[in-house]
Amino acid sequence: MNTAKLHARVSRDQGMTLVEVLIALMLLVAFMGVYVAVTEFTNRFLGESEKVLPGSQGLLVDQHQLQTAMDRLADTLAQPGIEQTEIASIITSGCTYDPTGSWALPGAKPDLPPGYRICLRSTSLAESPMTQLLERSKFPQARPGIYVLQALPDEVSATTQQSRRLFCRPKPFC
């Protein structure tokens, strides 16, 4: 065999030159500098949004607890045994942290996340008196009422948000 042809195929490259090593290190340092700067910048904003109230379990769990509590309250408030005058007094009484105690509703106190209060609001679809609802043949314009339960946080942030639940009452006429 011809050894000259064999040596011609073998590469004589032994690695990187000093200039190539310096350029590679400069690119690595520049990339790491930009990465650290962007990470610190975004962490400054994310750190503020992850602060939660003591006793809170995070936004998703808190929202689930609020929706569950408002479902129970809506079921209670939709019962025909609660008179229209009682609903009107609840609306005028304002927001509360303990709806069953403040509004004198039957049942257990709802499990609300910390920092939320519950409000009851009426809509433009007002409830007709029960006597008219019971005699719809005489009063065809009689309609049930639509109400809104609102859960309002004490402090609005990225980890708290308000929640609403619409419901109709009295339930047998909805």
N, C-alpha and C. Protein backbone atom coordinates (compact mmCIF):
# COMPACT_ATOMS: atom_id res chain seq x y z
N MET A 1 0.83 -1.18 0.00
CA MET A 1 0.00 0.00 0.00
C MET A 1 0.86 1.23 0.00
N ASN A 2 0.27 2.22 -0.52
CA ASN A 2 0.98 3.49 -0.60
C ASN A 2 0.72 4.28 0.67
N THR A 3 1.72 4.52 1.47
CA THR A 3 1.57 5.24 2.74
C THR A 3 1.32 6.72 2.53
N ALA A 4 1.68 7.26 1.39
CA ALA A 4 1.44 8.68 1.12
C ALA A 4 -0.06 8.96 1.00
N LYS A 5 -0.78 8.03 0.37
CA LYS A 5 -2.24 8.20 0.24
C LYS A 5 -2.91 8.07 1.60
N LEU A 6 -2.39 7.19 2.43
CA LEU A 6 -2.95 6.99 3.76
C LEU A 6 -2.77 8.22 4.62
N HIS A 7 -1.60 8.86 4.57
CA HIS A 7 -1.35 10.07 5.35
C HIS A 7 -2.16 11.25 4.82
N ALA A 8 -2.51 11.27 3.56
CA ALA A 8 -3.27 12.37 2.99
C ALA A 8 -4.71 12.36 3.50
N ARG A 9 -5.23 11.18 3.84
CA ARG A 9 -6.60 11.09 4.33
C ARG A 9 -6.71 11.42 5.81
N VAL A 10 -5.67 11.32 6.55
CA VAL A 10 -5.70 11.59 7.98
C VAL A 10 -5.68 13.10 8.19
N SER A 11 -6.63 13.61 9.00
CA SER A 11 -6.69 15.04 9.27
C SER A 11 -5.62 15.43 10.27
N ARG A 12 -5.08 16.57 10.07
CA ARG A 12 -4.03 17.06 10.94
C ARG A 12 -4.60 18.00 12.02
N ASP A 13 -5.95 18.16 12.08
CA ASP A 13 -6.55 19.05 13.09
C ASP A 13 -6.41 18.43 14.46
N GLN A 14 -5.87 19.18 15.37
CA GLN A 14 -5.61 18.69 16.71
C GLN A 14 -6.60 19.26 17.74
N GLY A 15 -7.53 20.16 17.37
CA GLY A 15 -8.47 20.77 18.30
C GLY A 15 -8.67 22.23 17.96
N MET A 16 -9.09 23.01 18.96
CA MET A 16 -9.37 24.43 18.75
C MET A 16 -8.12 25.24 18.99
N THR A 17 -8.06 26.35 18.28
CA THR A 17 -6.96 27.28 18.52
C THR A 17 -7.32 28.14 19.71
N LEU A 18 -6.37 28.89 20.21
CA LEU A 18 -6.60 29.77 21.36
C LEU A 18 -7.63 30.84 21.04
N VAL A 19 -7.64 31.35 19.83
CA VAL A 19 -8.61 32.38 19.42
C VAL A 19 -10.02 31.79 19.42
N GLU A 20 -10.18 30.56 18.94
CA GLU A 20 -11.49 29.92 18.93
C GLU A 20 -12.00 29.66 20.35
N VAL A 21 -11.11 29.28 21.24
CA VAL A 21 -11.49 29.06 22.64
C VAL A 21 -11.96 30.36 23.28
N LEU A 22 -11.24 31.46 23.03
CA LEU A 22 -11.64 32.76 23.59
C LEU A 22 -12.98 33.23 23.05
N ILE A 23 -13.24 33.04 21.77
CA ILE A 23 -14.53 33.44 21.19
C ILE A 23 -15.66 32.59 21.79
N ALA A 24 -15.44 31.29 21.94
CA ALA A 24 -16.45 30.42 22.53
C ALA A 24 -16.74 30.81 23.97
N LEU A 25 -15.72 31.13 24.74
CA LEU A 25 -15.93 31.57 26.13
C LEU A 25 -16.66 32.90 26.19
N MET A 26 -16.35 33.83 25.29
CA MET A 26 -17.06 35.12 25.27
C MET A 26 -18.53 34.92 24.95
N LEU A 27 -18.85 34.03 24.02
CA LEU A 27 -20.25 33.76 23.69
C LEU A 27 -20.98 33.10 24.87
N LEU A 28 -20.30 32.19 25.56
CA LEU A 28 -20.89 31.55 26.73
C LEU A 28 -21.18 32.56 27.84
N VAL A 29 -20.23 33.45 28.10
CA VAL A 29 -20.42 34.47 29.13
C VAL A 29 -21.54 35.42 28.75
N ALA A 30 -21.61 35.81 27.47
CA ALA A 30 -22.68 36.72 27.02
C ALA A 30 -24.05 36.05 27.16
N PHE A 31 -24.14 34.78 26.75
CA PHE A 31 -25.41 34.06 26.87
C PHE A 31 -25.83 33.92 28.32
N MET A 32 -24.92 33.54 29.19
CA MET A 32 -25.25 33.38 30.61
C MET A 32 -25.64 34.71 31.24
N GLY A 33 -24.99 35.79 30.85
CA GLY A 33 -25.35 37.12 31.37
C GLY A 33 -26.76 37.51 31.00
N VAL A 34 -27.13 37.30 29.74
CA VAL A 34 -28.49 37.61 29.30
C VAL A 34 -29.50 36.71 30.02
N TYR A 35 -29.20 35.44 30.17
CA TYR A 35 -30.09 34.50 30.85
C TYR A 35 -30.33 34.92 32.30
N VAL A 36 -29.28 35.27 33.02
CA VAL A 36 -29.41 35.67 34.42
C VAL A 36 -30.20 36.96 34.52
N ALA A 37 -29.96 37.92 33.63
CA ALA A 37 -30.68 39.19 33.66
C ALA A 37 -32.17 38.99 33.43
N VAL A 38 -32.53 38.19 32.44
CA VAL A 38 -33.95 37.94 32.14
C VAL A 38 -34.60 37.17 33.29
N THR A 39 -33.92 36.21 33.86
CA THR A 39 -34.46 35.43 34.97
C THR A 39 -34.72 36.31 36.18
N GLU A 40 -33.80 37.19 36.53
CA GLU A 40 -34.01 38.08 37.67
C GLU A 40 -35.15 39.06 37.41
N PHE A 41 -35.24 39.55 36.19
CA PHE A 41 -36.29 40.50 35.84
C PHE A 41 -37.68 39.86 35.96
N THR A 42 -37.84 38.65 35.39
CA THR A 42 -39.15 37.99 35.48
C THR A 42 -39.45 37.50 36.89
N ASN A 43 -38.43 37.11 37.62
CA ASN A 43 -38.64 36.63 38.99
C ASN A 43 -39.12 37.74 39.91
N ARG A 44 -38.73 38.96 39.61
CA ARG A 44 -39.18 40.10 40.41
C ARG A 44 -40.70 40.24 40.33
N PHE A 45 -41.27 40.03 39.14
CA PHE A 45 -42.71 40.16 38.97
C PHE A 45 -43.45 38.91 39.42
N LEU A 46 -42.89 37.74 39.15
CA LEU A 46 -43.55 36.50 39.56
C LEU A 46 -43.55 36.34 41.07
N GLY A 47 -42.53 36.83 41.73
CA GLY A 47 -42.47 36.73 43.19
C GLY A 47 -43.62 37.47 43.85
N GLU A 48 -43.99 38.63 43.28
CA GLU A 48 -45.11 39.40 43.83
C GLU A 48 -46.44 38.70 43.58
N SER A 49 -46.58 38.03 42.44
CA SER A 49 -47.85 37.39 42.12
C SER A 49 -48.05 36.08 42.87
N GLU A 50 -47.01 35.52 43.44
CA GLU A 50 -47.15 34.26 44.15
C GLU A 50 -47.37 34.43 45.65
N LYS A 51 -47.44 35.66 46.13
CA LYS A 51 -47.72 35.87 47.55
C LYS A 51 -49.18 35.54 47.81
N VAL A 52 -49.44 34.73 48.79
CA VAL A 52 -50.80 34.34 49.11
C VAL A 52 -51.11 34.74 50.55
N LEU A 53 -52.38 34.88 50.83
CA LEU A 53 -52.81 35.20 52.18
C LEU A 53 -52.58 34.01 53.11
N PRO A 54 -52.36 34.26 54.38
CA PRO A 54 -52.23 33.13 55.32
C PRO A 54 -53.54 32.33 55.33
N GLY A 55 -53.43 31.04 55.19
CA GLY A 55 -54.60 30.17 55.16
C GLY A 55 -55.11 29.90 53.75
N SER A 56 -54.62 30.64 52.77
CA SER A 56 -55.03 30.41 51.39
C SER A 56 -54.26 29.23 50.82
N GLN A 57 -54.90 28.54 49.89
CA GLN A 57 -54.26 27.37 49.27
C GLN A 57 -53.95 27.61 47.80
N GLY A 58 -53.98 28.86 47.37
CA GLY A 58 -53.72 29.18 45.97
C GLY A 58 -55.00 29.54 45.25
N LEU A 59 -54.85 30.18 44.10
CA LEU A 59 -55.99 30.70 43.37
C LEU A 59 -56.99 29.63 42.95
N LEU A 60 -56.53 28.54 42.39
CA LEU A 60 -57.46 27.51 41.89
C LEU A 60 -58.25 26.85 43.01
N VAL A 61 -57.58 26.52 44.09
CA VAL A 61 -58.27 25.88 45.21
C VAL A 61 -59.23 26.87 45.85
N ASP A 62 -58.80 28.13 46.01
CA ASP A 62 -59.68 29.15 46.58
C ASP A 62 -60.92 29.36 45.71
N GLN A 63 -60.74 29.40 44.39
CA GLN A 63 -61.89 29.58 43.51
C GLN A 63 -62.84 28.39 43.59
N HIS A 64 -62.31 27.20 43.71
CA HIS A 64 -63.17 26.02 43.86
C HIS A 64 -63.97 26.10 45.17
N GLN A 65 -63.31 26.49 46.25
CA GLN A 65 -64.01 26.64 47.53
C GLN A 65 -65.10 27.71 47.43
N LEU A 66 -64.80 28.82 46.76
CA LEU A 66 -65.80 29.88 46.60
C LEU A 66 -66.99 29.38 45.79
N GLN A 67 -66.74 28.70 44.69
CA GLN A 67 -67.84 28.22 43.86
C GLN A 67 -68.70 27.21 44.61
N THR A 68 -68.06 26.34 45.38
CA THR A 68 -68.81 25.36 46.16
C THR A 68 -69.66 26.06 47.23
N ALA A 69 -69.07 27.02 47.91
CA ALA A 69 -69.82 27.76 48.94
C ALA A 69 -70.96 28.56 48.33
N MET A 70 -70.73 29.18 47.19
CA MET A 70 -71.79 29.95 46.55
C MET A 70 -72.89 29.05 46.00
N ASP A 71 -72.55 27.84 45.55
CA ASP A 71 -73.58 26.89 45.12
C ASP A 71 -74.51 26.55 46.29
N ARG A 72 -73.93 26.28 47.44
CA ARG A 72 -74.76 25.96 48.61
C ARG A 72 -75.61 27.15 49.04
N LEU A 73 -75.02 28.35 49.04
CA LEU A 73 -75.80 29.54 49.40
C LEU A 73 -76.91 29.80 48.40
N ALA A 74 -76.63 29.62 47.10
CA ALA A 74 -77.66 29.83 46.08
C ALA A 74 -78.79 28.82 46.25
N ASP A 75 -78.46 27.58 46.56
CA ASP A 75 -79.51 26.58 46.79
C ASP A 75 -80.38 26.95 47.98
N THR A 76 -79.75 27.48 49.03
CA THR A 76 -80.51 27.89 50.21
C THR A 76 -81.37 29.11 49.92
N LEU A 77 -80.79 30.12 49.27
CA LEU A 77 -81.52 31.35 48.99
C LEU A 77 -82.64 31.15 47.96
N ALA A 78 -82.53 30.12 47.12
CA ALA A 78 -83.54 29.88 46.09
C ALA A 78 -84.79 29.20 46.63
N GLN A 79 -84.77 28.77 47.87
CA GLN A 79 -85.92 28.07 48.44
C GLN A 79 -87.10 29.03 48.63
N PRO A 80 -88.30 28.58 48.32
CA PRO A 80 -89.47 29.46 48.47
C PRO A 80 -89.79 29.78 49.93
N GLY A 81 -89.22 29.04 50.88
CA GLY A 81 -89.46 29.32 52.30
C GLY A 81 -88.83 30.64 52.75
N ILE A 82 -87.85 31.12 52.03
CA ILE A 82 -87.25 32.42 52.35
C ILE A 82 -88.05 33.48 51.61
N GLU A 83 -88.63 34.36 52.37
CA GLU A 83 -89.55 35.35 51.78
C GLU A 83 -88.79 36.43 51.03
N GLN A 84 -89.51 37.09 50.16
CA GLN A 84 -88.95 38.16 49.34
C GLN A 84 -88.46 39.32 50.21
N THR A 85 -89.13 39.57 51.33
CA THR A 85 -88.68 40.65 52.23
C THR A 85 -87.35 40.31 52.87
N GLU A 86 -87.15 39.02 53.18
CA GLU A 86 -85.86 38.60 53.74
C GLU A 86 -84.74 38.78 52.72
N ILE A 87 -85.01 38.47 51.46
CA ILE A 87 -84.01 38.66 50.40
C ILE A 87 -83.68 40.15 50.27
N ALA A 88 -84.69 40.98 50.32
CA ALA A 88 -84.46 42.43 50.22
C ALA A 88 -83.62 42.94 51.39
N SER A 89 -83.85 42.42 52.59
CA SER A 89 -83.05 42.86 53.74
C SER A 89 -81.61 42.35 53.63
N ILE A 90 -81.41 41.17 53.06
CA ILE A 90 -80.06 40.65 52.85
C ILE A 90 -79.31 41.54 51.85
N ILE A 91 -80.00 41.96 50.79
CA ILE A 91 -79.37 42.81 49.77
C ILE A 91 -78.95 44.14 50.38
N THR A 92 -79.83 44.72 51.21
CA THR A 92 -79.51 46.02 51.81
C THR A 92 -78.48 45.92 52.92
N SER A 93 -78.34 44.73 53.52
CA SER A 93 -77.37 44.60 54.62
C SER A 93 -75.93 44.64 54.13
N GLY A 94 -75.70 44.37 52.86
CA GLY A 94 -74.35 44.47 52.31
C GLY A 94 -73.59 43.15 52.36
N CYS A 95 -72.29 43.27 52.18
CA CYS A 95 -71.41 42.09 52.10
C CYS A 95 -71.03 41.61 53.49
N THR A 96 -70.75 40.31 53.59
CA THR A 96 -70.41 39.72 54.88
C THR A 96 -69.39 38.60 54.71
N TYR A 97 -68.64 38.35 55.77
CA TYR A 97 -67.68 37.24 55.79
C TYR A 97 -68.35 35.93 56.24
N ASP A 98 -69.51 36.06 56.92
CA ASP A 98 -70.25 34.89 57.41
C ASP A 98 -71.70 35.01 56.96
N PRO A 99 -72.02 34.55 55.75
CA PRO A 99 -73.37 34.75 55.24
C PRO A 99 -74.46 34.03 56.03
N THR A 100 -74.18 32.84 56.53
CA THR A 100 -75.23 32.14 57.27
C THR A 100 -75.52 32.83 58.59
N GLY A 101 -74.50 33.36 59.25
CA GLY A 101 -74.71 34.05 60.52
C GLY A 101 -75.30 35.44 60.34
N SER A 102 -74.75 36.22 59.43
CA SER A 102 -75.22 37.59 59.22
C SER A 102 -76.60 37.64 58.58
N TRP A 103 -76.87 36.71 57.68
CA TRP A 103 -78.14 36.72 56.97
C TRP A 103 -79.17 35.80 57.61
N ALA A 104 -78.81 35.15 58.70
CA ALA A 104 -79.70 34.22 59.42
C ALA A 104 -80.23 33.13 58.51
N LEU A 105 -79.34 32.51 57.78
CA LEU A 105 -79.72 31.41 56.89
C LEU A 105 -79.53 30.08 57.60
N PRO A 106 -80.36 29.10 57.28
CA PRO A 106 -80.16 27.77 57.88
C PRO A 106 -78.94 27.10 57.26
N GLY A 107 -78.37 26.15 57.99
CA GLY A 107 -77.25 25.39 57.48
C GLY A 107 -75.94 25.79 58.11
N ALA A 108 -74.91 25.05 57.75
CA ALA A 108 -73.58 25.29 58.30
C ALA A 108 -72.93 26.50 57.62
N LYS A 109 -72.01 27.09 58.33
CA LYS A 109 -71.26 28.23 57.79
C LYS A 109 -70.43 27.74 56.60
N PRO A 110 -70.50 28.44 55.46
CA PRO A 110 -69.72 28.00 54.29
C PRO A 110 -68.22 28.17 54.53
N ASP A 111 -67.46 27.28 53.93
CA ASP A 111 -66.01 27.30 54.07
C ASP A 111 -65.43 28.26 53.03
N LEU A 112 -65.28 29.53 53.41
CA LEU A 112 -64.75 30.54 52.49
C LEU A 112 -63.25 30.68 52.67
N PRO A 113 -62.50 30.92 51.59
CA PRO A 113 -61.08 31.20 51.73
C PRO A 113 -60.88 32.51 52.48
N PRO A 114 -59.73 32.72 53.10
CA PRO A 114 -59.51 33.96 53.84
C PRO A 114 -59.49 35.17 52.90
N GLY A 115 -60.04 36.28 53.39
CA GLY A 115 -60.00 37.52 52.64
C GLY A 115 -61.12 37.72 51.65
N TYR A 116 -62.16 36.89 51.67
CA TYR A 116 -63.29 37.02 50.76
C TYR A 116 -64.56 37.30 51.55
N ARG A 117 -65.39 38.15 51.01
CA ARG A 117 -66.71 38.39 51.59
C ARG A 117 -67.76 38.14 50.50
N ILE A 118 -68.94 37.76 50.92
CA ILE A 118 -70.02 37.39 50.00
C ILE A 118 -71.08 38.49 49.99
N CYS A 119 -71.53 38.85 48.80
CA CYS A 119 -72.57 39.86 48.63
C CYS A 119 -73.71 39.27 47.80
N LEU A 120 -74.91 39.72 48.08
CA LEU A 120 -76.08 39.34 47.28
C LEU A 120 -76.58 40.60 46.58
N ARG A 121 -76.78 40.50 45.27
CA ARG A 121 -77.25 41.62 44.47
C ARG A 121 -78.46 41.17 43.65
N SER A 122 -79.35 42.10 43.42
CA SER A 122 -80.49 41.81 42.55
C SER A 122 -80.16 42.28 41.14
N THR A 123 -80.89 41.75 40.18
CA THR A 123 -80.73 42.17 38.79
C THR A 123 -81.97 42.93 38.36
N SER A 124 -82.01 43.31 37.10
CA SER A 124 -83.19 44.03 36.60
C SER A 124 -84.39 43.11 36.44
N LEU A 125 -84.17 41.80 36.49
CA LEU A 125 -85.27 40.84 36.42
C LEU A 125 -85.79 40.58 37.84
N ALA A 126 -86.67 41.47 38.29
CA ALA A 126 -87.16 41.42 39.66
C ALA A 126 -88.15 40.28 39.87
N GLU A 127 -88.17 39.83 41.09
CA GLU A 127 -89.05 38.73 41.50
C GLU A 127 -90.46 39.26 41.76
N SER A 128 -91.43 38.56 41.23
CA SER A 128 -92.83 38.91 41.48
C SER A 128 -93.24 38.37 42.84
N PRO A 129 -94.27 38.94 43.44
CA PRO A 129 -94.75 38.43 44.74
C PRO A 129 -95.20 36.97 44.61
N MET A 130 -95.08 36.23 45.70
CA MET A 130 -95.41 34.80 45.71
C MET A 130 -96.87 34.56 45.34
N THR A 131 -97.77 35.43 45.77
CA THR A 131 -99.19 35.24 45.44
C THR A 131 -99.42 35.29 43.94
N GLN A 132 -98.69 36.15 43.24
CA GLN A 132 -98.82 36.22 41.77
C GLN A 132 -98.19 34.99 41.12
N LEU A 133 -97.07 34.53 41.65
CA LEU A 133 -96.42 33.35 41.08
C LEU A 133 -97.30 32.12 41.23
N LEU A 134 -98.01 32.01 42.36
CA LEU A 134 -98.87 30.86 42.59
C LEU A 134 -100.10 30.87 41.69
N GLU A 135 -100.52 32.05 41.27
CA GLU A 135 -101.71 32.18 40.41
C GLU A 135 -101.31 32.75 39.06
N ARG A 136 -100.49 32.02 38.34
CA ARG A 136 -99.99 32.51 37.04
C ARG A 136 -101.10 32.65 36.00
N SER A 137 -102.18 31.95 36.17
CA SER A 137 -103.28 32.08 35.20
C SER A 137 -103.88 33.48 35.27
N LYS A 138 -103.92 34.06 36.47
CA LYS A 138 -104.45 35.42 36.64
C LYS A 138 -103.36 36.47 36.37
N PHE A 139 -102.09 36.11 36.63
CA PHE A 139 -100.99 37.06 36.49
C PHE A 139 -99.93 36.47 35.54
N PRO A 140 -100.17 36.54 34.23
CA PRO A 140 -99.21 35.93 33.29
C PRO A 140 -97.85 36.65 33.26
N GLN A 141 -97.80 37.87 33.74
CA GLN A 141 -96.54 38.63 33.75
C GLN A 141 -95.67 38.29 34.97
N ALA A 142 -96.19 37.45 35.88
CA ALA A 142 -95.43 37.09 37.09
C ALA A 142 -94.22 36.23 36.71
N ARG A 143 -93.07 36.62 37.22
CA ARG A 143 -91.82 35.93 36.91
C ARG A 143 -90.98 35.74 38.17
N PRO A 144 -90.15 34.68 38.19
CA PRO A 144 -89.20 34.55 39.30
C PRO A 144 -88.09 35.60 39.14
N GLY A 145 -87.32 35.79 40.18
CA GLY A 145 -86.25 36.78 40.15
C GLY A 145 -84.89 36.16 39.87
N ILE A 146 -84.00 36.93 39.29
CA ILE A 146 -82.62 36.51 39.04
C ILE A 146 -81.73 37.34 39.96
N TYR A 147 -80.86 36.65 40.68
CA TYR A 147 -79.97 37.30 41.64
C TYR A 147 -78.52 36.89 41.37
N VAL A 148 -77.61 37.67 41.92
CA VAL A 148 -76.17 37.42 41.75
C VAL A 148 -75.54 37.34 43.13
N LEU A 149 -74.84 36.24 43.37
CA LEU A 149 -73.98 36.12 44.54
C LEU A 149 -72.57 36.49 44.09
N GLN A 150 -71.92 37.38 44.80
CA GLN A 150 -70.57 37.80 44.47
C GLN A 150 -69.63 37.51 45.61
N ALA A 151 -68.46 36.98 45.28
CA ALA A 151 -67.40 36.80 46.26
C ALA A 151 -66.33 37.83 45.92
N LEU A 152 -66.17 38.80 46.81
CA LEU A 152 -65.22 39.89 46.57
C LEU A 152 -64.01 39.76 47.49
N PRO A 153 -62.80 39.81 46.91
CA PRO A 153 -61.61 39.75 47.77
C PRO A 153 -61.37 41.10 48.43
N ASP A 154 -60.77 41.06 49.62
CA ASP A 154 -60.43 42.31 50.31
C ASP A 154 -59.37 43.09 49.53
N GLU A 155 -58.46 42.36 48.93
CA GLU A 155 -57.36 42.97 48.20
C GLU A 155 -57.23 42.27 46.86
N VAL A 156 -57.32 43.04 45.77
CA VAL A 156 -57.22 42.46 44.45
C VAL A 156 -55.75 42.28 44.09
N SER A 157 -55.40 41.05 43.70
CA SER A 157 -54.02 40.76 43.29
C SER A 157 -54.06 39.61 42.29
N ALA A 158 -52.88 39.13 41.91
CA ALA A 158 -52.81 38.03 40.96
C ALA A 158 -53.26 36.71 41.59
N THR A 159 -53.31 36.64 42.91
CA THR A 159 -53.70 35.40 43.58
C THR A 159 -55.12 35.45 44.14
N THR A 160 -55.82 36.55 43.93
CA THR A 160 -57.22 36.65 44.35
C THR A 160 -58.02 37.25 43.19
N GLN A 161 -59.19 36.75 43.00
CA GLN A 161 -60.07 37.35 42.00
C GLN A 161 -61.52 37.15 42.44
N GLN A 162 -62.37 38.06 41.98
CA GLN A 162 -63.77 37.95 42.37
C GLN A 162 -64.44 36.82 41.61
N SER A 163 -65.54 36.38 42.15
CA SER A 163 -66.27 35.28 41.55
C SER A 163 -67.76 35.58 41.66
N ARG A 164 -68.54 35.10 40.71
CA ARG A 164 -69.98 35.36 40.70
C ARG A 164 -70.76 34.09 40.45
N ARG A 165 -71.98 34.09 40.95
CA ARG A 165 -72.89 32.97 40.72
C ARG A 165 -74.28 33.56 40.50
N LEU A 166 -74.87 33.28 39.36
CA LEU A 166 -76.25 33.68 39.07
C LEU A 166 -77.19 32.57 39.54
N PHE A 167 -78.33 32.97 40.08
CA PHE A 167 -79.33 31.96 40.43
C PHE A 167 -80.72 32.57 40.34
N CYS A 168 -81.68 31.70 40.22
CA CYS A 168 -83.08 32.08 40.08
C CYS A 168 -83.81 31.68 41.34
N ARG A 169 -84.78 32.49 41.74
CA ARG A 169 -85.57 32.14 42.91
C ARG A 169 -86.98 32.66 42.75
N PRO A 170 -87.97 32.10 43.37
CA PRO A 170 -88.02 30.85 44.10
C PRO A 170 -87.87 29.67 43.13
N LYS A 171 -87.17 28.68 43.58
CA LYS A 171 -86.72 27.56 42.73
C LYS A 171 -87.86 26.83 42.00
N PRO A 172 -89.01 26.56 42.61
CA PRO A 172 -90.04 25.82 41.86
C PRO A 172 -90.58 26.57 40.65
N PHE A 173 -90.34 27.88 40.57
CA PHE A 173 -90.88 28.67 39.46
C PHE A 173 -89.83 29.01 38.41
N CYS A 174 -88.64 28.50 38.57
CA CYS A 174 -87.56 28.81 37.63
C CYS A 174 -87.56 27.85 36.45
